[in-house]
PDB file of N, CA and C in Angstrom:
ATOM      1  N   MET A   1       0.739  -0.889   0.265  1.00  0.00           N
ATOM      2  CA  MET A   1      -0.008   0.103  -0.035  1.00  0.00           C
ATOM      3  C   MET A   1       1.033   1.142   0.248  1.00  0.00           C
ATOM      4  N   ASP A   2       0.717   2.320  -1.065  1.00  0.00           N
ATOM      5  CA  ASP A   2       1.201   3.392  -0.885  1.00  0.00           C
ATOM      6  C   ASP A   2       0.928   4.235   0.514  1.00  0.00           C
ATOM      7  N   GLN A   3       2.030   4.797   1.173  1.00  0.00           N
ATOM      8  CA  GLN A   3       1.924   5.480   2.255  1.00  0.00           C
ATOM      9  C   GLN A   3       1.895   7.291   2.245  1.00  0.00           C
ATOM     10  N   GLU A   4       2.072   7.369   1.116  1.00  0.00           N
ATOM     11  CA  GLU A   4       2.199   8.991   0.771  1.00  0.00           C
ATOM     12  C   GLU A   4       1.018   9.570   0.883  1.00  0.00           C
ATOM     13  N   GLY A   5       1.064  10.342   1.694  1.00  0.00           N
ATOM     14  CA  GLY A   5      -0.246  11.427   1.985  1.00  0.00           C
ATOM     15  C   GLY A   5      -0.770  10.982   3.043  1.00  0.00           C
ATOM     16  N   LEU A   6      -0.515   9.973   3.925  1.00  0.00           N
ATOM     17  CA  LEU A   6      -1.119   9.582   4.989  1.00  0.00           C
ATOM     18  C   LEU A   6      -0.494  10.489   6.082  1.00  0.00           C
ATOM     19  N   LEU A   7      -1.277  10.664   7.319  1.00  0.00           N
ATOM     20  CA  LEU A   7      -0.997  11.650   8.223  1.00  0.00           C
ATOM     21  C   LEU A   7      -0.034  10.826   9.126  1.00  0.00           C
ATOM     22  N   PHE A   8      -0.178   9.684   9.190  1.00  0.00           N
ATOM     23  CA  PHE A   8       0.625   9.000  10.120  1.00  0.00           C
ATOM     24  C   PHE A   8       1.472   7.639   9.175  1.00  0.00           C
ATOM     25  N   PRO A   9       2.138   8.007   8.297  1.00  0.00           N
ATOM     26  CA  PRO A   9       2.889   6.995   7.229  1.00  0.00           C
ATOM     27  C   PRO A   9       3.992   6.559   8.260  1.00  0.00           C
ATOM     28  N   LYS A  10       3.674   4.903   7.862  1.00  0.00           N
ATOM     29  CA  LYS A  10       4.813   3.986   8.563  1.00  0.00           C
ATOM     30  C   LYS A  10       6.346   4.111   8.037  1.00  0.00           C
ATOM     31  N   GLY A  11       7.067   4.054   9.084  1.00  0.00           N
ATOM     32  CA  GLY A  11       8.639   4.081   9.093  1.00  0.00           C
ATOM     33  C   GLY A  11       8.755   3.108   7.771  1.00  0.00           C
ATOM     34  N   GLU A  12      10.396   3.194   7.804  1.00  0.00           N
ATOM     35  CA  GLU A  12      10.795   2.292   6.991  1.00  0.00           C
ATOM     36  C   GLU A  12      10.788   0.705   7.467  1.00  0.00           C
ATOM     37  N   LYS A  13      11.695   0.576   8.193  1.00  0.00           N
ATOM     38  CA  LYS A  13      11.478  -0.646   8.974  1.00  0.00           C
ATOM     39  C   LYS A  13      11.679  -0.717  10.297  1.00  0.00           C
ATOM     40  N   LYS A  14      11.363  -1.629  11.080  1.00  0.00           N
ATOM     41  CA  LYS A  14      11.831  -1.426  12.804  1.00  0.00           C
ATOM     42  C   LYS A  14      12.907  -2.357  12.577  1.00  0.00           C
ATOM     43  N   LYS A  15      13.731  -1.230  14.133  1.00  0.00           N
ATOM     44  CA  LYS A  15      15.046  -2.255  14.440  1.00  0.00           C
ATOM     45  C   LYS A  15      14.545  -3.481  14.912  1.00  0.00           C
ATOM     46  N   LYS A  16      16.121  -4.416  14.447  1.00  0.00           N
ATOM     47  CA  LYS A  16      15.965  -5.809  15.095  1.00  0.00           C
ATOM     48  C   LYS A  16      16.053  -5.780  16.423  1.00  0.00           C
ATOM     49  N   ARG A  17      15.511  -6.122  17.351  1.00  0.00           N
ATOM     50  CA  ARG A  17      15.981  -6.610  18.607  1.00  0.00           C
ATOM     51  C   ARG A  17      17.426  -7.032  18.587  1.00  0.00           C
ATOM     52  N   MET A  18      18.149  -6.788  19.891  1.00  0.00           N
ATOM     53  CA  MET A  18      19.592  -7.394  19.814  1.00  0.00           C
ATOM     54  C   MET A  18      18.984  -8.984  20.873  1.00  0.00           C
ATOM     55  N   LYS A  19      19.874  -9.786  20.067  1.00  0.00           N
ATOM     56  CA  LYS A  19      19.587 -11.209  20.606  1.00  0.00           C
ATOM     57  C   LYS A  19      20.697 -10.822  21.820  1.00  0.00           C
ATOM     58  N   HIS A  20      20.583 -11.610  23.084  1.00  0.00           N
ATOM     59  CA  HIS A  20      21.037 -11.621  24.113  1.00  0.00           C
ATOM     60  C   HIS A  20      21.881 -12.538  24.100  1.00  0.00           C
ATOM     61  N   PRO A  21      23.408 -12.335  23.765  1.00  0.00           N
ATOM     62  CA  PRO A  21      24.484 -13.451  23.870  1.00  0.00           C
ATOM     63  C   PRO A  21      24.597 -14.125  25.234  1.00  0.00           C
ATOM     64  N   LYS A  22      25.287 -15.158  25.333  1.00  0.00           N
ATOM     65  CA  LYS A  22      25.429 -15.839  26.394  1.00  0.00           C
ATOM     66  C   LYS A  22      26.556 -15.452  26.946  1.00  0.00           C
ATOM     67  N   SER A  23      26.415 -15.429  28.643  1.00  0.00           N
ATOM     68  CA  SER A  23      27.286 -14.520  29.268  1.00  0.00           C
ATOM     69  C   SER A  23      28.798 -15.257  29.165  1.00  0.00           C
ATOM     70  N   ILE A  24      29.886 -14.619  29.027  1.00  0.00           N
ATOM     71  CA  ILE A  24      31.139 -15.396  29.260  1.00  0.00           C
ATOM     72  C   ILE A  24      31.691 -15.797  30.941  1.00  0.00           C
ATOM     73  N   LEU A  25      31.271 -14.997  31.814  1.00  0.00           N
ATOM     74  CA  LEU A  25      31.056 -15.660  32.928  1.00  0.00           C
ATOM     75  C   LEU A  25      30.234 -16.969  33.517  1.00  0.00           C
ATOM     76  N   ASN A  26      30.785 -18.027  34.218  1.00  0.00           N
ATOM     77  CA  ASN A  26      29.938 -19.007  34.228  1.00  0.00           C
ATOM     78  C   ASN A  26      28.863 -18.782  35.385  1.00  0.00           C
ATOM     79  N   THR A  27      27.891 -18.472  34.811  1.00  0.00           N
ATOM     80  CA  THR A  27      26.533 -17.575  35.539  1.00  0.00           C
ATOM     81  C   THR A  27      25.133 -18.529  34.688  1.00  0.00           C
ATOM     82  N   GLN A  28      24.376 -18.729  35.425  1.00  0.00           N
ATOM     83  CA  GLN A  28      23.333 -19.770  34.563  1.00  0.00           C
ATOM     84  C   GLN A  28      21.958 -19.288  35.367  1.00  0.00           C
ATOM     85  N   LYS A  29      21.012 -19.120  34.411  1.00  0.00           N
ATOM     86  CA  LYS A  29      19.666 -18.372  34.726  1.00  0.00           C
ATOM     87  C   LYS A  29      19.097 -19.531  35.666  1.00  0.00           C
ATOM     88  N   GLY A  30      18.392 -19.093  37.021  1.00  0.00           N
ATOM     89  CA  GLY A  30      18.073 -19.630  37.975  1.00  0.00           C
ATOM     90  C   GLY A  30      18.963 -20.153  39.205  1.00  0.00           C
ATOM     91  N   ILE A  31      20.203 -19.569  38.923  1.00  0.00           N
ATOM     92  CA  ILE A  31      21.376 -19.725  39.878  1.00  0.00           C
ATOM     93  C   ILE A  31      21.917 -18.467  40.555  1.00  0.00           C
ATOM     94  N   CYS A  32      21.773 -17.851  41.651  1.00  0.00           N
ATOM     95  CA  CYS A  32      22.311 -16.576  41.991  1.00  0.00           C
ATOM     96  C   CYS A  32      24.159 -16.667  41.717  1.00  0.00           C
ATOM     97  N   PHE A  33      24.387 -15.821  41.019  1.00  0.00           N
ATOM     98  CA  PHE A  33      25.686 -16.091  40.449  1.00  0.00           C
ATOM     99  C   PHE A  33      26.600 -15.696  41.985  1.00  0.00           C
ATOM    100  N   ILE A  34      26.073 -14.874  42.793  1.00  0.00           N
ATOM    101  CA  ILE A  34      26.495 -14.285  44.162  1.00  0.00           C
ATOM    102  C   ILE A  34      26.771 -15.585  45.085  1.00  0.00           C
ATOM    103  N   MET A  35      25.535 -15.891  45.612  1.00  0.00           N
ATOM    104  CA  MET A  35      25.360 -16.864  46.663  1.00  0.00           C
ATOM    105  C   MET A  35      25.257 -18.303  45.888  1.00  0.00           C
ATOM    106  N   GLY A  36      24.885 -18.534  44.949  1.00  0.00           N
ATOM    107  CA  GLY A  36      24.997 -19.842  44.399  1.00  0.00           C
ATOM    108  C   GLY A  36      23.893 -20.695  44.730  1.00  0.00           C
ATOM    109  N   THR A  37      22.907 -20.220  44.873  1.00  0.00           N
ATOM    110  CA  THR A  37      21.876 -21.067  45.561  1.00  0.00           C
ATOM    111  C   THR A  37      20.738 -20.711  44.203  1.00  0.00           C
ATOM    112  N   PRO A  38      19.691 -21.628  44.098  1.00  0.00           N
ATOM    113  CA  PRO A  38      18.629 -21.788  43.167  1.00  0.00           C
ATOM    114  C   PRO A  38      17.562 -20.439  43.612  1.00  0.00           C
ATOM    115  N   ALA A  39      17.377 -19.670  42.556  1.00  0.00           N
ATOM    116  CA  ALA A  39      16.366 -18.571  42.506  1.00  0.00           C
ATOM    117  C   ALA A  39      15.823 -17.986  41.476  1.00  0.00           C
ATOM    118  N   LYS A  40      14.830 -17.257  41.617  1.00  0.00           N
ATOM    119  CA  LYS A  40      14.620 -16.526  40.336  1.00  0.00           C
ATOM    120  C   LYS A  40      15.293 -15.404  40.294  1.00  0.00           C
ATOM    121  N   THR A  41      15.974 -15.362  38.884  1.00  0.00           N
ATOM    122  CA  THR A  41      17.229 -14.719  38.729  1.00  0.00           C
ATOM    123  C   THR A  41      16.913 -13.238  37.793  1.00  0.00           C
ATOM    124  N   GLU A  42      17.657 -12.260  37.949  1.00  0.00           N
ATOM    125  CA  GLU A  42      17.705 -11.267  37.166  1.00  0.00           C
ATOM    126  C   GLU A  42      19.001 -11.112  36.371  1.00  0.00           C
ATOM    127  N   ARG A  43      18.986 -10.578  35.090  1.00  0.00           N
ATOM    128  CA  ARG A  43      20.316 -10.438  34.257  1.00  0.00           C
ATOM    129  C   ARG A  43      20.680  -8.939  34.839  1.00  0.00           C
ATOM    130  N   HIS A  44      22.261  -9.029  35.422  1.00  0.00           N
ATOM    131  CA  HIS A  44      22.872  -7.684  35.503  1.00  0.00           C
ATOM    132  C   HIS A  44      23.965  -7.701  34.698  1.00  0.00           C
ATOM    133  N   HIS A  45      24.014  -6.254  34.246  1.00  0.00           N
ATOM    134  CA  HIS A  45      24.751  -5.919  33.461  1.00  0.00           C
ATOM    135  C   HIS A  45      25.974  -5.375  33.833  1.00  0.00           C
ATOM    136  N   ILE A  46      27.083  -6.004  34.112  1.00  0.00           N
ATOM    137  CA  ILE A  46      28.653  -5.975  34.803  1.00  0.00           C
ATOM    138  C   ILE A  46      28.715  -4.219  34.799  1.00  0.00           C
ATOM    139  N   PHE A  47      28.815  -3.894  33.511  1.00  0.00           N
ATOM    140  CA  PHE A  47      29.253  -2.577  33.158  1.00  0.00           C
ATOM    141  C   PHE A  47      27.806  -1.973  32.741  1.00  0.00           C
ATOM    142  N   GLY A  48      27.366  -1.005  33.678  1.00  0.00           N
ATOM    143  CA  GLY A  48      26.107  -0.399  33.580  1.00  0.00           C
ATOM    144  C   GLY A  48      26.547   1.229  32.869  1.00  0.00           C
ATOM    145  N   GLY A  49      25.511   1.853  32.229  1.00  0.00           N
ATOM    146  CA  GLY A  49      25.571   3.457  31.968  1.00  0.00           C
ATOM    147  C   GLY A  49      25.579   3.140  30.731  1.00  0.00           C
ATOM    148  N   PRO A  50      26.692   4.065  30.257  1.00  0.00           N
ATOM    149  CA  PRO A  50      26.871   4.108  28.693  1.00  0.00           C
ATOM    150  C   PRO A  50      27.605   2.797  28.118  1.00  0.00           C
ATOM    151  N   ASN A  51      27.657   2.077  29.016  1.00  0.00           N
ATOM    152  CA  ASN A  51      28.654   0.585  28.689  1.00  0.00           C
ATOM    153  C   ASN A  51      27.609  -0.454  28.650  1.00  0.00           C
ATOM    154  N   ARG A  52      26.626  -0.242  28.915  1.00  0.00           N
ATOM    155  CA  ARG A  52      25.547  -1.485  29.248  1.00  0.00           C
ATOM    156  C   ARG A  52      25.569  -2.333  27.951  1.00  0.00           C
ATOM    157  N   LYS A  53      25.493  -1.399  26.832  1.00  0.00           N
ATOM    158  CA  LYS A  53      25.368  -2.070  25.374  1.00  0.00           C
ATOM    159  C   LYS A  53      26.658  -2.767  25.308  1.00  0.00           C
ATOM    160  N   HIS A  54      27.617  -2.485  25.607  1.00  0.00           N
ATOM    161  CA  HIS A  54      29.047  -3.188  25.264  1.00  0.00           C
ATOM    162  C   HIS A  54      29.129  -4.458  26.157  1.00  0.00           C
ATOM    163  N   SER A  55      28.547  -4.125  27.508  1.00  0.00           N
ATOM    164  CA  SER A  55      28.290  -5.649  28.179  1.00  0.00           C
ATOM    165  C   SER A  55      27.102  -6.710  27.782  1.00  0.00           C
ATOM    166  N   GLU A  56      26.163  -6.305  26.958  1.00  0.00           N
ATOM    167  CA  GLU A  56      25.242  -6.905  26.584  1.00  0.00           C
ATOM    168  C   GLU A  56      26.175  -7.864  25.542  1.00  0.00           C
ATOM    169  N   ARG A  57      27.227  -6.711  24.550  1.00  0.00           N
ATOM    170  CA  ARG A  57      27.517  -7.134  23.161  1.00  0.00           C
ATOM    171  C   ARG A  57      28.482  -8.495  23.482  1.00  0.00           C
ATOM    172  N   TYR A  58      28.972  -8.387  24.769  1.00  0.00           N
ATOM    173  CA  TYR A  58      30.128  -9.072  25.017  1.00  0.00           C
ATOM    174  C   TYR A  58      30.138 -10.186  25.875  1.00  0.00           C
ATOM    175  N   GLY A  59      28.823 -10.395  26.194  1.00  0.00           N
ATOM    176  CA  GLY A  59      28.394 -11.365  27.492  1.00  0.00           C
ATOM    177  C   GLY A  59      28.930 -11.025  28.680  1.00  0.00           C
ATOM    178  N   LEU A  60      28.908  -9.826  29.201  1.00  0.00           N
ATOM    179  CA  LEU A  60      29.460  -9.206  30.547  1.00  0.00           C
ATOM    180  C   LEU A  60      28.274  -9.071  31.210  1.00  0.00           C
ATOM    181  N   THR A  61      28.032 -10.354  31.599  1.00  0.00           N
ATOM    182  CA  THR A  61      26.260 -10.280  32.227  1.00  0.00           C
ATOM    183  C   THR A  61      26.407 -11.282  33.164  1.00  0.00           C
ATOM    184  N   VAL A  62      25.685 -10.924  34.516  1.00  0.00           N
ATOM    185  CA  VAL A  62      25.488 -12.432  35.536  1.00  0.00           C
ATOM    186  C   VAL A  62      24.060 -12.573  35.875  1.00  0.00           C
ATOM    187  N   GLU A  63      23.872 -13.665  36.044  1.00  0.00           N
ATOM    188  CA  GLU A  63      22.601 -13.867  36.829  1.00  0.00           C
ATOM    189  C   GLU A  63      22.513 -13.821  38.273  1.00  0.00           C
ATOM    190  N   LEU A  64      21.687 -12.881  38.679  1.00  0.00           N
ATOM    191  CA  LEU A  64      21.583 -12.523  40.146  1.00  0.00           C
ATOM    192  C   LEU A  64      19.898 -12.431  40.876  1.00  0.00           C
ATOM    193  N   CYS A  65      19.863 -13.067  41.991  1.00  0.00           N
ATOM    194  CA  CYS A  65      18.662 -13.215  42.775  1.00  0.00           C
ATOM    195  C   CYS A  65      18.418 -11.578  43.090  1.00  0.00           C
ATOM    196  N   PRO A  66      17.092 -11.315  43.068  1.00  0.00           N
ATOM    197  CA  PRO A  66      16.610  -9.970  43.314  1.00  0.00           C
ATOM    198  C   PRO A  66      17.502  -9.248  44.733  1.00  0.00           C
ATOM    199  N   TYR A  67      17.691 -10.110  45.709  1.00  0.00           N
ATOM    200  CA  TYR A  67      18.149  -9.626  46.722  1.00  0.00           C
ATOM    201  C   TYR A  67      19.645  -9.203  46.669  1.00  0.00           C
ATOM    202  N   CYS A  68      20.580  -9.903  45.775  1.00  0.00           N
ATOM    203  CA  CYS A  68      21.596  -9.738  45.482  1.00  0.00           C
ATOM    204  C   CYS A  68      21.770  -8.639  44.188  1.00  0.00           C
ATOM    205  N   HIS A  69      20.757  -8.712  43.835  1.00  0.00           N
ATOM    206  CA  HIS A  69      20.929  -7.577  42.190  1.00  0.00           C
ATOM    207  C   HIS A  69      20.762  -6.122  43.021  1.00  0.00           C
ATOM    208  N   ARG A  70      19.511  -5.913  43.483  1.00  0.00           N
ATOM    209  CA  ARG A  70      18.961  -4.836  43.784  1.00  0.00           C
ATOM    210  C   ARG A  70      18.384  -4.513  45.123  1.00  0.00           C
ATOM    211  N   GLU A  71      17.897  -5.664  45.928  1.00  0.00           N
ATOM    212  CA  GLU A  71      17.221  -5.068  47.110  1.00  0.00           C
ATOM    213  C   GLU A  71      18.146  -4.704  48.516  1.00  0.00           C
ATOM    214  N   SER A  72      19.104  -5.721  48.712  1.00  0.00           N
ATOM    215  CA  SER A  72      19.935  -5.543  49.786  1.00  0.00           C
ATOM    216  C   SER A  72      21.094  -4.414  49.538  1.00  0.00           C
ATOM    217  N   ARG A  73      21.396  -3.929  51.094  1.00  0.00           N
ATOM    218  CA  ARG A  73      22.272  -2.566  50.618  1.00  0.00           C
ATOM    219  C   ARG A  73      23.555  -3.383  50.643  1.00  0.00           C
ATOM    220  N   HIS A  74      23.819  -4.488  50.471  1.00  0.00           N
ATOM    221  CA  HIS A  74      25.231  -5.410  49.610  1.00  0.00           C
ATOM    222  C   HIS A  74      24.685  -5.339  48.366  1.00  0.00           C
ATOM    223  N   SER A  75      23.676  -5.446  47.864  1.00  0.00           N
ATOM    224  CA  SER A  75      23.585  -5.831  46.387  1.00  0.00           C
ATOM    225  C   SER A  75      24.590  -5.059  45.269  1.00  0.00           C
ATOM    226  N   ALA A  76      24.297  -5.538  44.170  1.00  0.00           N
ATOM    227  CA  ALA A  76      25.440  -4.823  43.220  1.00  0.00           C
ATOM    228  C   ALA A  76      24.907  -3.745  42.702  1.00  0.00           C
ATOM    229  N   HIS A  77      23.711  -3.320  42.754  1.00  0.00           N
ATOM    230  CA  HIS A  77      23.506  -1.645  42.584  1.00  0.00           C
ATOM    231  C   HIS A  77      23.797  -0.807  43.857  1.00  0.00           C
ATOM    232  N   GLN A  78      23.799  -1.370  44.943  1.00  0.00           N
ATOM    233  CA  GLN A  78      23.937  -0.538  46.238  1.00  0.00           C
ATOM    234  C   GLN A  78      25.131  -0.626  46.902  1.00  0.00           C
ATOM    235  N   ASP A  79      26.183  -1.742  46.611  1.00  0.00           N
ATOM    236  CA  ASP A  79      27.594  -1.952  47.158  1.00  0.00           C
ATOM    237  C   ASP A  79      28.289  -1.802  46.003  1.00  0.00           C
ATOM    238  N   GLY A  80      29.111  -0.557  46.515  1.00  0.00           N
ATOM    239  CA  GLY A  80      30.275  -0.215  44.978  1.00  0.00           C
ATOM    240  C   GLY A  80      31.209  -1.269  45.275  1.00  0.00           C
ATOM    241  N   MET A  81      31.568  -2.268  46.270  1.00  0.00           N
ATOM    242  CA  MET A  81      32.926  -3.185  46.660  1.00  0.00           C
ATOM    243  C   MET A  81      32.291  -4.271  45.831  1.00  0.00           C
ATOM    244  N   ILE A  82      31.126  -4.732  46.066  1.00  0.00           N
ATOM    245  CA  ILE A  82      30.397  -5.821  45.052  1.00  0.00           C
ATOM    246  C   ILE A  82      30.616  -5.718  43.546  1.00  0.00           C
ATOM    247  N   ASN A  83      29.805  -4.249  43.453  1.00  0.00           N
ATOM    248  CA  ASN A  83      29.602  -3.866  42.285  1.00  0.00           C
ATOM    249  C   ASN A  83      31.327  -3.770  41.224  1.00  0.00           C
ATOM    250  N   HIS A  84      32.484  -3.453  42.338  1.00  0.00           N
ATOM    251  CA  HIS A  84      33.921  -3.260  41.520  1.00  0.00           C
ATOM    252  C   HIS A  84      34.259  -4.854  41.245  1.00  0.00           C
ATOM    253  N   VAL A  85      33.879  -5.682  42.137  1.00  0.00           N
ATOM    254  CA  VAL A  85      34.417  -7.019  42.254  1.00  0.00           C
ATOM    255  C   VAL A  85      34.206  -7.748  40.926  1.00  0.00           C
ATOM    256  N   LEU A  86      32.834  -7.629  40.660  1.00  0.00           N
ATOM    257  CA  LEU A  86      32.106  -8.237  39.365  1.00  0.00           C
ATOM    258  C   LEU A  86      32.548  -7.014  38.313  1.00  0.00           C
ATOM    259  N   GLN A  87      33.256  -6.176  38.085  1.00  0.00           N
ATOM    260  CA  GLN A  87      34.000  -5.501  36.996  1.00  0.00           C
ATOM    261  C   GLN A  87      35.185  -5.829  37.024  1.00  0.00           C
ATOM    262  N   GLU A  88      35.960  -6.273  38.467  1.00  0.00           N
ATOM    263  CA  GLU A  88      37.240  -6.733  37.904  1.00  0.00           C
ATOM    264  C   GLU A  88      37.034  -8.489  37.000  1.00  0.00           C
ATOM    265  N   MET A  89      35.729  -9.284  37.601  1.00  0.00           N
ATOM    266  CA  MET A  89      35.838 -10.663  37.184  1.00  0.00           C
ATOM    267  C   MET A  89      35.292 -10.358  35.519  1.00  0.00           C
ATOM    268  N   GLY A  90      34.731  -9.331  35.353  1.00  0.00           N
ATOM    269  CA  GLY A  90      34.203  -9.200  33.835  1.00  0.00           C
ATOM    270  C   GLY A  90      35.452  -8.803  33.102  1.00  0.00           C
ATOM    271  N   GLN A  91      36.287  -8.014  33.447  1.00  0.00           N
ATOM    272  CA  GLN A  91      37.323  -7.733  32.943  1.00  0.00           C
ATOM    273  C   GLN A  91      38.159  -8.651  32.576  1.00  0.00           C
ATOM    274  N   ARG A  92      38.627  -9.673  33.463  1.00  0.00           N
ATOM    275  CA  ARG A  92      39.448 -10.893  33.617  1.00  0.00           C
ATOM    276  C   ARG A  92      38.671 -11.215  32.520  1.00  0.00           C
ATOM    277  N   ALA A  93      37.706 -11.705  32.566  1.00  0.00           N
ATOM    278  CA  ALA A  93      37.147 -13.007  31.688  1.00  0.00           C
ATOM    279  C   ALA A  93      36.947 -12.684  30.180  1.00  0.00           C
ATOM    280  N   PHE A  94      37.004 -10.893  30.126  1.00  0.00           N
ATOM    281  CA  PHE A  94      37.110 -10.514  28.828  1.00  0.00           C
ATOM    282  C   PHE A  94      38.611 -10.597  28.056  1.00  0.00           C
ATOM    283  N   GLU A  95      39.545 -10.411  29.134  1.00  0.00           N
ATOM    284  CA  GLU A  95      40.852 -10.510  28.744  1.00  0.00           C
ATOM    285  C   GLU A  95      41.104 -12.085  28.351  1.00  0.00           C
ATOM    286  N   GLU A  96      40.711 -12.749  28.964  1.00  0.00           N
ATOM    287  CA  GLU A  96      40.778 -14.552  28.857  1.00  0.00           C
ATOM    288  C   GLU A  96      40.005 -14.735  27.651  1.00  0.00           C
ATOM    289  N   LYS A  97      38.895 -14.386  27.341  1.00  0.00           N
ATOM    290  CA  LYS A  97      38.041 -15.220  26.101  1.00  0.00           C
ATOM    291  C   LYS A  97      37.873 -13.976  25.231  1.00  0.00           C
ATOM    292  N   ILE A  98      38.027 -13.382  25.163  1.00  0.00           N
ATOM    293  CA  ILE A  98      37.994 -12.175  23.965  1.00  0.00           C
ATOM    294  C   ILE A  98      39.246 -11.277  23.326  1.00  0.00           C
ATOM    295  N   GLY A  99      39.667 -10.592  24.163  1.00  0.00           N
ATOM    296  CA  GLY A  99      40.604  -9.769  23.462  1.00  0.00           C
ATOM    297  C   GLY A  99      41.596  -8.966  24.682  1.00  0.00           C
ATOM    298  N   SER A 100      42.614  -8.070  24.516  1.00  0.00           N
ATOM    299  CA  SER A 100      44.223  -7.878  25.103  1.00  0.00           C
ATOM    300  C   SER A 100      43.191  -6.391  26.054  1.00  0.00           C
ATOM    301  N   ARG A 101      43.988  -6.370  27.091  1.00  0.00           N
ATOM    302  CA  ARG A 101      43.763  -5.183  28.052  1.00  0.00           C
ATOM    303  C   ARG A 101      43.761  -3.794  27.352  1.00  0.00           C
ATOM    304  N   GLU A 102      44.650  -3.562  26.300  1.00  0.00           N
ATOM    305  CA  GLU A 102      44.127  -2.435  25.336  1.00  0.00           C
ATOM    306  C   GLU A 102      42.867  -2.327  24.595  1.00  0.00           C
ATOM    307  N   GLU A 103      42.274  -3.477  24.347  1.00  0.00           N
ATOM    308  CA  GLU A 103      40.956  -3.579  23.508  1.00  0.00           C
ATOM    309  C   GLU A 103      40.047  -3.321  24.730  1.00  0.00           C
ATOM    310  N   PHE A 104      40.071  -4.074  25.660  1.00  0.00           N
ATOM    311  CA  PHE A 104      39.074  -3.433  26.718  1.00  0.00           C
ATOM    312  C   PHE A 104      38.852  -2.069  27.325  1.00  0.00           C
ATOM    313  N   VAL A 105      40.249  -1.715  27.680  1.00  0.00           N
ATOM    314  CA  VAL A 105      40.450  -0.017  27.783  1.00  0.00           C
ATOM    315  C   VAL A 105      39.569   0.681  26.588  1.00  0.00           C
ATOM    316  N   LYS A 106      40.056   0.413  25.821  1.00  0.00           N
ATOM    317  CA  LYS A 106      39.525   1.286  24.260  1.00  0.00           C
ATOM    318  C   LYS A 106      37.990   1.054  24.153  1.00  0.00           C
ATOM    319  N   ILE A 107      37.162   0.045  24.651  1.00  0.00           N
ATOM    320  CA  ILE A 107      35.961  -0.170  24.438  1.00  0.00           C
ATOM    321  C   ILE A 107      35.053   0.774  25.787  1.00  0.00           C
ATOM    322  N   PHE A 108      35.808   0.171  27.055  1.00  0.00           N
ATOM    323  CA  PHE A 108      35.230   0.314  28.297  1.00  0.00           C
ATOM    324  C   PHE A 108      35.421   1.691  28.885  1.00  0.00           C
ATOM    325  N   GLY A 109      36.722   2.297  28.553  1.00  0.00           N
ATOM    326  CA  GLY A 109      36.887   3.475  28.816  1.00  0.00           C
ATOM    327  C   GLY A 109      37.921   3.196  30.220  1.00  0.00           C
ATOM    328  N   LYS A 110      38.228   2.091  30.466  1.00  0.00           N
ATOM    329  CA  LYS A 110      38.764   2.308  31.913  1.00  0.00           C
ATOM    330  C   LYS A 110      39.168   0.929  32.335  1.00  0.00           C
ATOM    331  N   ASN A 111      40.622   0.984  33.239  1.00  0.00           N
ATOM    332  CA  ASN A 111      41.018  -0.259  33.691  1.00  0.00           C
ATOM    333  C   ASN A 111      40.690  -0.750  35.053  1.00  0.00           C
ATOM    334  N   TYR A 112      39.849  -2.258  35.169  1.00  0.00           N
ATOM    335  CA  TYR A 112      39.250  -2.245  36.660  1.00  0.00           C
ATOM    336  C   TYR A 112      40.259  -3.007  37.220  1.00  0.00           C
ATOM    337  N   LEU A 113      41.178  -3.412  36.900  1.00  0.00           N
ATOM    338  CA  LEU A 113      41.975  -4.465  37.696  1.00  0.00           C
ATOM    339  C   LEU A 113      42.895  -3.654  38.584  1.00  0.00           C
ATOM    340  N   GLU A 114      42.607  -2.954  39.708  1.00  0.00           N
ATOM    341  CA  GLU A 114      43.619  -2.028  40.399  1.00  0.00           C
ATOM    342  C   GLU A 114      45.109  -2.466  40.745  1.00  0.00           C
ATOM    343  N   GLU A 115      45.033  -3.796  41.011  1.00  0.00           N
ATOM    344  CA  GLU A 115      46.013  -4.403  41.898  1.00  0.00           C
ATOM    345  C   GLU A 115      46.897  -4.649  40.721  1.00  0.00           C
ATOM    346  N   GLU A 116      46.573  -4.920  39.514  1.00  0.00           N
ATOM    347  CA  GLU A 116      47.481  -5.008  38.321  1.00  0.00           C
ATOM    348  C   GLU A 116      48.113  -3.558  37.617  1.00  0.00           C
ATOM    349  N   LYS A 117      47.472  -2.475  37.930  1.00  0.00           N
ATOM    350  CA  LYS A 117      47.647  -1.269  37.519  1.00  0.00           C
ATOM    351  C   LYS A 117      48.850  -0.986  38.647  1.00  0.00           C
ATOM    352  N   CYS A 118      48.536  -1.120  39.689  1.00  0.00           N
ATOM    353  CA  CYS A 118      49.526  -0.794  40.986  1.00  0.00           C
ATOM    354  C   CYS A 118      50.978  -1.599  40.655  1.00  0.00           C
ATOM    355  N   SER A 119      50.544  -2.919  40.505  1.00  0.00           N
ATOM    356  CA  SER A 119      52.001  -3.514  40.199  1.00  0.00           C
ATOM    357  C   SER A 119      53.001  -3.178  38.960  1.00  0.00           C
ATOM    358  N   LYS A 120      52.367  -2.677  37.912  1.00  0.00           N
ATOM    359  CA  LYS A 120      52.922  -2.251  36.952  1.00  0.00           C
ATOM    360  C   LYS A 120      53.462  -0.961  37.184  1.00  0.00           C
ATOM    361  N   ASN A 121      52.615  -0.026  37.790  1.00  0.00           N
ATOM    362  CA  ASN A 121      53.463   1.166  38.596  1.00  0.00           C
ATOM    363  C   ASN A 121      55.030   0.965  39.574  1.00  0.00           C
ATOM    364  N   SER A 122      54.368   0.092  40.040  1.00  0.00           N
ATOM    365  CA  SER A 122      55.521   0.060  41.386  1.00  0.00           C
ATOM    366  C   SER A 122      56.915  -0.630  40.267  1.00  0.00           C
ATOM    367  N   GLU A 123      57.008  -1.413  39.135  1.00  0.00           N
ATOM    368  CA  GLU A 123      57.618  -2.192  38.324  1.00  0.00           C
ATOM    369  C   GLU A 123      58.504  -0.990  37.644  1.00  0.00           C
ATOM    370  N   LYS A 124      58.096   0.545  37.504  1.00  0.00           N
ATOM    371  CA  LYS A 124      58.493   1.386  36.658  1.00  0.00           C
ATOM    372  C   LYS A 124      60.108   2.153  37.362  1.00  0.00           C
TER     373      LYS A 124
END
């Protein structure tokens, strides 16, 4: 059907939804990654904000129960230490399975492996 002249013509094509790749961390739907117990789980993107799409693309997600994801004050969204540990684990998994540290920093904008940054600086 010709759409010309219609008040609300349909656009060209809808965007295809991104398929969720499998996580590169050993996580399983229905098992909380932090507690290791069976539970209804939610997908947590390890690198959020502007890096959320990169987390999705490279499989840097983990399955967490609602308590560990957002409800507890020690959850991934409320406890910076928990979040940082997950980010370190995510970067290590990226470097083991996908690319180099330089590639990681280029994509995510930061090196999250603090102890390795410190040891490299002390060697100089």
